[in-house]
Amino acid sequence: MKKTSILLALVLILILSACGSNSKSANNANANNSSSAAPSDSPSPEASDSGTITYQSEEGPVEVPSNPQRVVVITRFLTGNVMALGVPLVGVDQMSKDNPNFTDKLKDAEAVTDEDVEKIMELDPDLIIGLSDIKNVDKFKKVAPTVTFTYGKVDYLTQQLEIGKLLNKEKEAQAWVDDFSARVKDAGDKIKAKIGDKATVSVIETFNKQLYVYGDNYARGTEILYDGGFGLPKPEKVAEATKTDGYFALSTEVLKDYMGDYVIFSKNADEDNSFQETETYKNIPTVKNNHVFEADAKTFYFNDPLSLEYQLDFFIKHFLG
């Protein structure tokens, strides 16, 4: 009887032990299934609004917001770079607000200059961007993280990549660079096939009561037309005159000597353009051949992504029809 009791106790212990083991296994299985399902049920992690990143600026590392929402740009040369990446602007220069392509997008942004320290402070920016020669930069650094760039230090594509890094949108900036470069090459090949790869192109503009001709990388579409873009040649005189400063002031009397087979006239309606009514101008072969393409200067001043997109569309339309 005693042996029987002992055997029954042992059997009961084994049964209870097995049940406990099965229950533990089931719990572990449920836990594993739960953890594997979690990522699909939760949103991907994003940078916190209050988080920061470190941007390696020309002056050294700067801690800037990882998701800036109130940016002030104190230069007309970089406004479109920020806009192209969809980052909100609360302050920009007046020239940017006057750009017909920017007007609607910047209607709520305040016009500011590097003299407007108090006004910019009232805008409560979380990031300030400017050129390296702006005034009051030390005061701006006390208002918000401030990053400056030297104009022309890098090419226009690299500049956009730098803005992308600063705004924590490097992937978006790189995607635009790749896509835009491919479209420029495609358009350039088609244009050269139509007008010939030896056809020369000049870019002229009236600015501050003076007539100018422009060379490489001086906005007004030159980044697209010349080296690094379509690869179209400039007239020899233009190449020589602009090789140092990138631009050259002309008198209307010698304009004909700097006109290419095709001319992009970045025309400001507020300037004196009466030279176009003279017989001298009308008898220039480029003019007689209807190869002068007029653009609104206020849309052609810059080389940011939004301006470049507009310029590329303009060239495709006017060169290819």
Protein backbone atom coordinates (compact mmCIF):
# COMPACT_ATOMS: atom_id res chain seq x y z
CA MET A 1 0.00 0.00 0.00
CA LYS A 2 2.83 2.29 0.88
CA LYS A 3 4.56 1.51 -2.45
CA THR A 4 1.34 2.24 -4.32
CA SER A 5 1.02 5.64 -2.65
CA ILE A 6 4.58 6.50 -3.49
CA LEU A 7 4.07 5.54 -7.16
CA LEU A 8 0.88 7.62 -7.38
CA ALA A 9 2.71 10.64 -5.95
CA LEU A 10 5.52 10.29 -8.49
CA VAL A 11 3.05 10.04 -11.39
CA LEU A 12 1.21 13.15 -10.15
CA ILE A 13 4.48 15.12 -9.90
CA LEU A 14 5.41 14.13 -13.50
CA ILE A 15 1.99 15.18 -14.81
CA LEU A 16 2.15 18.57 -13.08
CA SER A 17 5.70 19.12 -14.30
CA ALA A 18 4.68 18.41 -17.91
CA CYS A 19 1.74 20.81 -17.69
CA GLY A 20 3.97 23.53 -16.33
CA SER A 21 6.47 23.00 -19.13
CA ASN A 22 3.78 23.12 -21.81
CA SER A 23 2.30 26.27 -20.32
CA LYS A 24 5.74 27.94 -20.25
CA SER A 25 6.38 26.96 -23.89
CA ALA A 26 3.03 28.35 -24.92
CA ASN A 27 3.78 31.63 -23.16
CA ASN A 28 7.17 31.89 -24.87
CA ALA A 29 5.59 31.19 -28.25
CA ASN A 30 3.01 33.91 -27.68
CA ALA A 31 5.72 36.32 -26.62
CA ASN A 32 7.76 35.59 -29.76
CA ASN A 33 4.74 36.05 -32.02
CA SER A 34 3.90 39.31 -30.29
CA SER A 35 7.40 40.76 -30.70
CA SER A 36 7.62 39.83 -34.38
CA ALA A 37 4.32 41.59 -35.10
CA ALA A 38 5.22 44.79 -33.26
CA PRO A 39 7.23 46.54 -36.03
CA SER A 40 4.39 46.36 -38.54
CA ASP A 41 1.96 47.73 -35.98
CA SER A 42 4.11 50.76 -35.06
CA PRO A 43 5.15 53.73 -37.22
CA SER A 44 8.77 54.04 -38.28
CA PRO A 45 10.75 56.19 -35.88
CA GLU A 46 11.16 59.84 -36.93
CA ALA A 47 13.40 62.62 -35.72
CA SER A 48 11.86 64.44 -32.79
CA ASP A 49 10.76 68.02 -33.33
CA SER A 50 12.96 68.97 -30.40
CA GLY A 51 15.87 66.84 -31.59
CA THR A 52 19.08 68.14 -33.13
CA ILE A 53 21.76 67.06 -35.58
CA THR A 54 25.29 68.32 -36.05
CA TYR A 55 26.00 69.99 -39.39
CA GLN A 56 29.61 70.44 -40.48
CA SER A 57 29.56 74.04 -41.68
CA GLU A 58 32.35 76.08 -43.23
CA GLU A 59 33.08 77.46 -39.75
CA GLY A 60 32.91 74.09 -37.99
CA PRO A 61 30.22 71.91 -36.42
CA VAL A 62 26.87 73.56 -35.65
CA GLU A 63 24.04 71.94 -33.71
CA VAL A 64 20.84 72.54 -35.68
CA PRO A 65 17.25 71.25 -35.39
CA SER A 66 16.66 67.88 -37.02
CA ASN A 67 13.26 69.02 -38.25
CA PRO A 68 13.34 72.83 -38.63
CA GLN A 69 9.95 74.51 -38.86
CA ARG A 70 10.72 78.25 -38.73
CA VAL A 71 13.65 79.04 -41.01
CA VAL A 72 14.91 82.51 -41.92
CA VAL A 73 17.05 82.84 -45.06
CA ILE A 74 18.93 86.14 -45.26
CA THR A 75 20.03 85.80 -48.88
CA ARG A 76 18.21 85.64 -52.18
CA PHE A 77 20.65 82.97 -53.36
CA LEU A 78 19.48 80.18 -51.06
CA THR A 79 15.76 80.78 -50.58
CA GLY A 80 14.73 78.41 -53.36
CA ASN A 81 17.12 75.72 -52.09
CA VAL A 82 15.20 75.55 -48.82
CA MET A 83 11.80 75.82 -50.50
CA ALA A 84 12.63 72.93 -52.82
CA LEU A 85 12.95 70.65 -49.79
CA GLY A 86 9.58 71.67 -48.37
CA VAL A 87 10.93 73.33 -45.21
CA PRO A 88 8.78 76.21 -43.84
CA LEU A 89 10.19 79.73 -44.20
CA VAL A 90 9.16 82.59 -41.94
CA GLY A 91 11.64 85.21 -43.20
CA VAL A 92 13.32 85.87 -46.56
CA ASP A 93 14.82 88.78 -48.49
CA GLN A 94 12.62 91.12 -50.54
CA MET A 95 14.10 90.00 -53.86
CA SER A 96 12.93 86.44 -53.18
CA LYS A 97 9.42 87.69 -52.40
CA ASP A 98 9.45 89.62 -55.70
CA ASN A 99 10.26 86.49 -57.71
CA PRO A 100 7.04 85.68 -59.64
CA ASN A 101 7.71 81.97 -59.17
CA PHE A 102 7.99 82.37 -55.39
CA THR A 103 5.27 84.94 -54.69
CA ASP A 104 2.47 82.58 -53.65
CA LYS A 105 4.73 80.28 -51.66
CA LEU A 106 6.24 83.18 -49.71
CA LYS A 107 3.13 85.29 -49.17
CA ASP A 108 3.22 84.64 -45.41
CA ALA A 109 6.98 85.08 -45.00
CA GLU A 110 8.32 88.39 -43.71
CA ALA A 111 10.83 90.40 -45.75
CA VAL A 112 14.07 90.78 -43.78
CA THR A 113 17.67 91.91 -44.19
CA ASP A 114 20.83 91.33 -42.17
CA GLU A 115 20.10 94.63 -40.42
CA ASP A 116 16.77 93.38 -38.98
CA VAL A 117 18.04 91.65 -35.85
CA GLU A 118 15.02 92.52 -33.70
CA LYS A 119 12.51 91.72 -36.44
CA ILE A 120 14.12 88.32 -37.00
CA MET A 121 14.13 87.69 -33.26
CA GLU A 122 10.36 88.33 -33.21
CA LEU A 123 9.90 85.70 -35.91
CA ASP A 124 11.22 83.14 -33.40
CA PRO A 125 13.29 81.17 -35.96
CA ASP A 126 14.73 77.76 -35.16
CA LEU A 127 17.38 78.12 -37.90
CA ILE A 128 18.97 81.08 -39.71
CA ILE A 129 20.79 80.72 -43.05
CA GLY A 130 22.82 83.37 -44.81
CA LEU A 131 25.94 84.12 -46.83
CA SER A 132 29.33 84.33 -45.17
CA ASP A 133 29.47 88.11 -45.54
CA ILE A 134 26.18 88.99 -43.81
CA LYS A 135 26.21 91.59 -41.05
CA ASN A 136 25.34 90.87 -37.41
CA VAL A 137 26.10 87.17 -37.67
CA ASP A 138 27.21 87.01 -34.01
CA LYS A 139 23.90 88.53 -32.91
CA PHE A 140 21.95 86.06 -35.06
CA LYS A 141 23.79 83.15 -33.45
CA LYS A 142 22.28 84.24 -30.13
CA VAL A 143 18.79 84.15 -31.66
CA ALA A 144 18.99 80.70 -33.29
CA PRO A 145 21.53 78.29 -34.80
CA THR A 146 23.05 80.21 -37.71
CA VAL A 147 24.82 78.68 -40.72
CA THR A 148 26.50 80.68 -43.48
CA PHE A 149 27.79 79.70 -46.91
CA THR A 150 30.31 81.33 -49.22
CA TYR A 151 28.54 82.09 -52.50
CA GLY A 152 30.09 80.19 -55.40
CA LYS A 153 32.40 78.10 -53.22
CA VAL A 154 30.77 74.94 -54.57
CA ASP A 155 28.77 74.26 -57.72
CA TYR A 156 25.00 74.55 -57.71
CA LEU A 157 24.38 70.81 -57.35
CA THR A 158 26.77 70.44 -54.43
CA GLN A 159 25.17 73.50 -52.84
CA GLN A 160 21.80 71.78 -52.83
CA LEU A 161 23.33 68.68 -51.28
CA GLU A 162 24.80 70.85 -48.53
CA ILE A 163 21.41 72.44 -47.87
CA GLY A 164 19.98 68.93 -47.77
CA LYS A 165 22.49 67.92 -45.11
CA LEU A 166 21.76 71.06 -43.09
CA LEU A 167 18.00 70.44 -43.17
CA ASN A 168 18.32 66.70 -42.52
CA LYS A 169 16.98 65.99 -46.02
CA GLU A 170 20.08 64.74 -47.79
CA LYS A 171 18.29 61.84 -49.50
CA GLU A 172 15.69 64.18 -50.99
CA ALA A 173 18.41 66.57 -52.16
CA GLN A 174 20.39 63.75 -53.78
CA ALA A 175 17.28 62.44 -55.53
CA TRP A 176 16.67 65.88 -57.06
CA VAL A 177 20.31 66.21 -58.17
CA ASP A 178 20.25 62.83 -59.89
CA ASP A 179 16.92 63.43 -61.60
CA PHE A 180 17.69 66.99 -62.68
CA SER A 181 21.11 66.07 -64.06
CA ALA A 182 19.58 63.30 -66.16
CA ARG A 183 16.90 65.64 -67.55
CA VAL A 184 19.46 68.32 -68.39
CA LYS A 185 21.56 65.82 -70.33
CA ASP A 186 18.53 64.55 -72.23
CA ALA A 187 17.38 68.07 -73.14
CA GLY A 188 20.91 69.13 -74.06
CA ASP A 189 21.33 66.20 -76.44
CA LYS A 190 18.05 67.05 -78.17
CA ILE A 191 18.86 70.76 -78.44
CA LYS A 192 22.34 70.14 -79.89
CA ALA A 193 20.84 67.70 -82.35
CA LYS A 194 18.49 70.45 -83.53
CA ILE A 195 20.70 73.57 -83.57
CA GLY A 196 24.11 71.91 -83.89
CA ASP A 197 26.73 71.51 -81.18
CA LYS A 198 28.73 74.45 -82.59
CA ALA A 199 25.91 76.98 -82.29
CA THR A 200 26.86 79.66 -79.76
CA VAL A 201 24.64 81.04 -77.02
CA SER A 202 24.92 84.33 -75.11
CA VAL A 203 23.11 85.39 -71.95
CA ILE A 204 22.51 89.13 -71.54
CA GLU A 205 20.64 91.19 -68.97
CA THR A 206 19.84 94.77 -68.05
CA PHE A 207 20.56 95.32 -64.37
CA ASN A 208 20.89 98.60 -62.47
CA LYS A 209 20.83 100.64 -65.69
CA GLN A 210 23.65 98.60 -67.18
CA LEU A 211 23.76 95.91 -69.86
CA TYR A 212 25.72 92.77 -69.00
CA VAL A 213 26.75 89.52 -70.63
CA TYR A 214 27.29 86.43 -68.43
CA GLY A 215 29.65 83.46 -68.44
CA ASP A 216 29.71 80.11 -66.66
CA ASN A 217 27.86 79.50 -63.41
CA TYR A 218 26.46 82.97 -62.95
CA ALA A 219 22.77 82.03 -62.73
CA ARG A 220 20.40 83.32 -65.45
CA GLY A 221 20.45 79.76 -66.83
CA THR A 222 24.21 79.67 -67.41
CA GLU A 223 24.64 76.55 -65.25
CA ILE A 224 22.33 74.68 -67.62
CA LEU A 225 23.47 76.15 -70.94
CA TYR A 226 27.23 75.86 -70.59
CA ASP A 227 29.76 73.47 -69.05
CA GLY A 228 28.20 70.93 -66.74
CA GLY A 229 24.84 71.35 -68.48
CA PHE A 230 24.03 71.34 -72.19
CA GLY A 231 27.66 72.05 -73.03
CA LEU A 232 26.77 74.72 -75.58
CA PRO A 233 29.62 77.10 -76.51
CA LYS A 234 29.76 80.83 -75.86
CA PRO A 235 30.96 83.33 -78.48
CA GLU A 236 34.73 83.71 -78.17
CA LYS A 237 34.45 87.32 -77.03
CA VAL A 238 32.01 86.37 -74.29
CA ALA A 239 34.26 83.56 -73.07
CA GLU A 240 37.24 85.91 -72.90
CA ALA A 241 35.37 88.82 -71.30
CA THR A 242 33.73 86.74 -68.55
CA LYS A 243 36.50 84.32 -67.62
CA THR A 244 37.62 86.36 -64.58
CA ASP A 245 34.49 87.79 -62.98
CA GLY A 246 31.79 85.70 -64.64
CA TYR A 247 30.13 88.78 -66.16
CA PHE A 248 31.05 91.76 -68.31
CA ALA A 249 29.45 95.19 -68.70
CA LEU A 250 28.63 96.20 -72.29
CA SER A 251 27.60 99.28 -74.17
CA THR A 252 24.77 98.86 -76.64
CA GLU A 253 27.14 99.99 -79.41
CA VAL A 254 29.27 96.83 -79.08
CA LEU A 255 26.46 94.44 -78.12
CA LYS A 256 26.44 92.86 -81.57
CA ASP A 257 30.01 91.61 -81.02
CA TYR A 258 28.88 89.56 -78.01
CA MET A 259 25.67 88.13 -79.45
CA GLY A 260 25.77 84.40 -80.12
CA ASP A 261 23.76 82.48 -82.70
CA TYR A 262 21.14 82.35 -79.94
CA VAL A 263 20.63 84.82 -77.10
CA ILE A 264 18.84 84.49 -73.79
CA PHE A 265 17.74 87.97 -72.77
CA SER A 266 17.03 88.09 -69.04
CA LYS A 267 14.85 91.17 -69.31
CA ASN A 268 13.76 93.38 -66.44
CA ALA A 269 10.75 95.44 -67.49
CA ASP A 270 11.71 98.08 -64.91
CA GLU A 271 14.98 98.80 -66.70
CA ASP A 272 15.64 100.90 -69.80
CA ASN A 273 15.40 98.44 -72.70
CA SER A 274 14.96 101.07 -75.40
CA PHE A 275 18.03 99.78 -77.25
CA GLN A 276 15.78 97.05 -78.61
CA GLU A 277 13.97 99.67 -80.66
CA THR A 278 17.10 100.88 -82.46
CA GLU A 279 17.92 99.89 -86.03
CA THR A 280 21.37 98.81 -84.88
CA TYR A 281 19.85 96.19 -82.62
CA LYS A 282 17.16 95.11 -85.08
CA ASN A 283 19.79 94.45 -87.75
CA ILE A 284 21.87 92.08 -85.63
CA PRO A 285 21.62 88.64 -87.34
CA THR A 286 20.50 86.89 -84.14
CA VAL A 287 17.63 89.36 -83.80
CA LYS A 288 16.65 89.12 -87.46
CA ASN A 289 16.60 85.32 -87.17
CA ASN A 290 14.25 85.52 -84.16
CA HIS A 291 16.83 83.74 -82.04
CA VAL A 292 16.53 86.07 -79.05
CA PHE A 293 14.54 84.39 -76.29
CA GLU A 294 13.25 86.83 -73.67
CA ALA A 295 12.79 85.71 -70.07
CA ASP A 296 11.54 87.63 -67.05
CA ALA A 297 14.76 88.57 -65.24
CA LYS A 298 13.08 88.23 -61.84
CA THR A 299 12.64 84.51 -62.50
CA PHE A 300 16.12 84.08 -63.99
CA TYR A 301 18.36 85.75 -61.38
CA PHE A 302 19.07 82.63 -59.34
CA ASN A 303 20.42 79.07 -59.55
CA ASP A 304 18.41 77.32 -56.84
CA PRO A 305 16.46 74.13 -57.74
CA LEU A 306 13.12 75.90 -58.27
CA SER A 307 14.69 78.53 -60.55
CA LEU A 308 16.67 75.89 -62.42
CA GLU A 309 13.53 73.84 -63.03
CA TYR A 310 11.87 76.93 -64.50
CA GLN A 311 14.92 77.72 -66.64
CA LEU A 312 15.15 74.17 -67.96
CA ASP A 313 11.48 74.25 -69.00
CA PHE A 314 12.07 77.64 -70.63
CA PHE A 315 15.00 76.31 -72.70
CA ILE A 316 13.13 73.18 -73.77
CA LYS A 317 10.18 75.28 -74.89
CA HIS A 318 12.18 77.92 -76.78
CA PHE A 319 14.90 75.76 -78.33
CA LEU A 320 12.75 72.76 -79.17
CA GLY A 321 9.34 74.36 -79.59
